[in-house]
């Protein structure tokens, strides 16, 4: 269950791969915008965007709490690249807080918030301008997260296929 100096534990791997799949699902929203939802992605998967984003918000908070608790057990990083690895992961974690800006858009524009069909915030009679304005960075952060995820996958493949140093094996 816990992380060790040799590999990441079951819960860390669950967070990593489970959230990875949900984030890829969220990226399908980009395709929805290409053709205004007039295809199977826009009609079947994208309507879950707010609910999956809400689930991701809960998971990222749990993941951060778990990572803080496991920080002394984690596998060691190569000292030559440790700072870059920490910076890259820090940016990924920061961008994974993306659902907060999504909530700001929804609530700030008076749409309310109803993940999985459960109303948590009622539709507002008026807009909350400052909230909608802050939430407007949602798309920019989403694109940044996409670039970071592609870089993350690229680095994992570089370690596996070129360096052959077993870094990927620690997360499998």
Protein backbone atom coordinates (compact mmCIF):
# COMPACT_ATOMS: atom_id res chain seq x y z
CA UNK A 1 0.00 0.00 0.00
CA UNK A 2 2.73 2.49 1.01
CA UNK A 3 5.49 3.83 -1.20
CA UNK A 4 9.04 2.55 -0.75
CA UNK A 5 12.49 3.62 -1.92
CA UNK A 6 12.23 1.03 -4.74
CA UNK A 7 8.73 1.69 -6.12
CA UNK A 8 5.46 3.51 -5.59
CA UNK A 9 2.79 1.80 -3.50
CA UNK A 10 -0.62 0.57 -4.62
CA UNK A 11 -2.51 3.70 -3.58
CA UNK A 12 -0.06 6.04 -5.31
CA UNK A 13 -0.29 3.93 -8.47
CA UNK A 14 -4.11 3.90 -8.23
CA UNK A 15 -4.16 7.70 -8.00
CA UNK A 16 -1.67 8.03 -10.87
CA UNK A 17 -3.29 5.69 -13.40
CA UNK A 18 -6.92 6.28 -12.36
CA UNK A 19 -6.59 10.03 -12.50
CA UNK A 20 -4.58 9.74 -15.71
CA UNK A 21 -7.51 7.99 -17.39
CA UNK A 22 -10.00 10.54 -16.07
CA UNK A 23 -7.80 13.44 -17.23
CA UNK A 24 -7.55 11.93 -20.72
CA UNK A 25 -11.37 11.67 -20.67
CA UNK A 26 -11.50 15.37 -19.76
CA UNK A 27 -9.21 16.20 -22.69
CA UNK A 28 -11.95 14.91 -25.01
CA UNK A 29 -13.64 18.26 -24.39
CA UNK A 30 -11.11 19.74 -26.85
CA UNK A 31 -12.59 17.55 -29.62
CA UNK A 32 -16.10 18.56 -28.63
CA UNK A 33 -15.26 22.15 -29.45
CA UNK A 34 -14.01 21.25 -32.92
CA UNK A 35 -17.43 20.20 -34.20
CA UNK A 36 -19.78 21.66 -31.57
CA UNK A 37 -20.56 18.26 -30.06
CA UNK A 38 -21.98 16.83 -33.29
CA UNK A 39 -20.19 13.48 -32.98
CA UNK A 40 -20.13 10.52 -30.58
CA UNK A 41 -17.50 12.07 -28.28
CA UNK A 42 -19.56 15.23 -27.85
CA UNK A 43 -22.77 13.30 -27.35
CA UNK A 44 -21.63 10.52 -25.01
CA UNK A 45 -18.48 11.44 -23.09
CA UNK A 46 -18.34 15.24 -22.91
CA UNK A 47 -21.65 15.63 -21.03
CA UNK A 48 -19.80 14.07 -18.07
CA UNK A 49 -17.15 16.83 -18.09
CA UNK A 50 -18.42 18.66 -14.99
CA UNK A 51 -19.02 15.46 -13.02
CA UNK A 52 -15.62 13.96 -13.89
CA UNK A 53 -13.97 17.30 -13.12
CA UNK A 54 -15.66 17.31 -9.71
CA UNK A 55 -14.47 13.77 -9.05
CA UNK A 56 -10.95 14.78 -10.10
CA UNK A 57 -11.03 17.70 -7.66
CA UNK A 58 -11.75 15.31 -4.78
CA UNK A 59 -9.09 12.87 -6.02
CA UNK A 60 -6.39 15.53 -6.39
CA UNK A 61 -6.95 16.74 -2.84
CA UNK A 62 -6.70 13.15 -1.59
CA UNK A 63 -3.68 12.54 -3.81
CA UNK A 64 -1.86 15.60 -2.48
CA UNK A 65 -2.58 14.60 1.12
CA UNK A 66 -1.33 11.07 0.38
CA UNK A 67 1.81 12.35 -1.39
CA UNK A 68 2.67 14.63 1.54
CA UNK A 69 2.33 11.69 3.91
CA UNK A 70 4.49 9.48 1.68
CA UNK A 71 7.19 12.03 0.79
CA UNK A 72 9.90 10.33 2.86
CA UNK A 73 9.10 6.88 1.45
CA UNK A 74 9.22 7.79 -2.23
CA UNK A 75 11.84 6.45 -4.66
CA UNK A 76 14.97 8.57 -4.92
CA UNK A 77 15.44 10.81 -7.95
CA UNK A 78 18.67 11.11 -9.92
CA UNK A 79 20.40 14.10 -8.25
CA UNK A 80 21.35 15.50 -11.68
CA UNK A 81 17.70 15.94 -12.68
CA UNK A 82 15.90 15.94 -9.31
CA UNK A 83 15.12 19.66 -9.42
CA UNK A 84 13.62 19.39 -12.93
CA UNK A 85 11.61 16.32 -11.93
CA UNK A 86 10.22 18.10 -8.86
CA UNK A 87 9.41 21.22 -10.89
CA UNK A 88 7.65 19.19 -13.59
CA UNK A 89 5.60 17.23 -11.09
CA UNK A 90 4.82 20.42 -9.17
CA UNK A 91 3.44 22.01 -12.34
CA UNK A 92 1.38 18.90 -13.06
CA UNK A 93 -0.12 18.98 -9.56
CA UNK A 94 -0.80 22.71 -9.84
CA UNK A 95 -2.55 22.28 -13.19
CA UNK A 96 -4.56 19.35 -11.83
CA UNK A 97 -6.34 21.87 -9.62
CA UNK A 98 -8.02 22.89 -12.89
CA UNK A 99 -11.52 21.93 -11.64
CA UNK A 100 -11.38 24.92 -9.29
CA UNK A 101 -11.39 27.27 -12.28
CA UNK A 102 -14.17 25.20 -13.84
CA UNK A 103 -16.24 25.69 -10.69
CA UNK A 104 -15.53 29.41 -10.81
CA UNK A 105 -16.86 29.58 -14.37
CA UNK A 106 -19.99 27.63 -13.50
CA UNK A 107 -20.81 29.47 -10.28
CA UNK A 108 -19.54 32.86 -11.47
CA UNK A 109 -21.75 32.76 -14.55
CA UNK A 110 -24.77 31.68 -12.50
CA UNK A 111 -25.03 28.11 -13.83
CA UNK A 112 -24.74 26.45 -10.43
CA UNK A 113 -22.93 23.19 -9.84
CA UNK A 114 -24.57 19.77 -10.19
CA UNK A 115 -22.04 16.94 -10.43
CA UNK A 116 -23.53 13.50 -11.13
CA UNK A 117 -27.00 15.07 -11.09
CA UNK A 118 -26.73 16.25 -7.47
CA UNK A 119 -27.21 19.97 -7.05
CA UNK A 120 -24.48 21.32 -4.77
CA UNK A 121 -24.78 25.00 -5.72
CA UNK A 122 -28.06 26.38 -7.03
CA UNK A 123 -28.29 28.43 -10.20
CA UNK A 124 -27.63 32.05 -9.35
CA UNK A 125 -29.94 34.90 -10.16
CA UNK A 126 -26.91 37.12 -10.73
CA UNK A 127 -23.41 36.58 -12.00
CA UNK A 128 -20.37 36.84 -9.75
CA UNK A 129 -18.05 38.73 -12.06
CA UNK A 130 -14.79 38.28 -10.16
CA UNK A 131 -15.35 34.52 -10.00
CA UNK A 132 -16.18 34.23 -13.69
CA UNK A 133 -13.13 36.36 -14.54
CA UNK A 134 -10.76 34.18 -12.49
CA UNK A 135 -12.36 31.07 -13.95
CA UNK A 136 -11.67 32.28 -17.47
CA UNK A 137 -8.13 30.87 -17.20
CA UNK A 138 -9.67 27.37 -17.27
CA UNK A 139 -8.99 26.80 -20.97
CA UNK A 140 -5.41 28.13 -20.76
CA UNK A 141 -4.66 25.84 -17.82
CA UNK A 142 -6.26 22.90 -19.65
CA UNK A 143 -3.98 23.43 -22.66
CA UNK A 144 -0.99 23.78 -20.31
CA UNK A 145 -1.95 20.54 -18.58
CA UNK A 146 -2.24 18.78 -21.95
CA UNK A 147 1.29 19.90 -22.88
CA UNK A 148 2.62 18.81 -19.49
CA UNK A 149 0.93 15.40 -19.76
CA UNK A 150 2.41 14.84 -23.23
CA UNK A 151 5.83 15.81 -21.83
CA UNK A 152 5.33 13.50 -18.83
CA UNK A 153 4.46 10.54 -21.08
CA UNK A 154 7.38 11.42 -23.36
CA UNK A 155 9.82 11.42 -20.45
CA UNK A 156 8.45 8.11 -19.16
CA UNK A 157 8.97 6.59 -22.60
CA UNK A 158 12.47 8.09 -22.84
CA UNK A 159 13.38 6.47 -19.53
CA UNK A 160 11.86 3.14 -20.58
CA UNK A 161 13.02 2.87 -24.18
CA UNK A 162 16.25 4.89 -24.33
CA UNK A 163 17.74 5.12 -20.85
CA UNK A 164 16.35 1.73 -19.76
CA UNK A 165 16.78 2.77 -16.14
CA UNK A 166 13.60 1.25 -14.66
CA UNK A 167 11.91 4.56 -13.80
CA UNK A 168 8.63 3.52 -15.45
CA UNK A 169 8.69 0.14 -13.69
CA UNK A 170 8.42 1.94 -10.32
CA UNK A 171 4.92 3.15 -11.31
CA UNK A 172 3.67 -0.14 -12.81
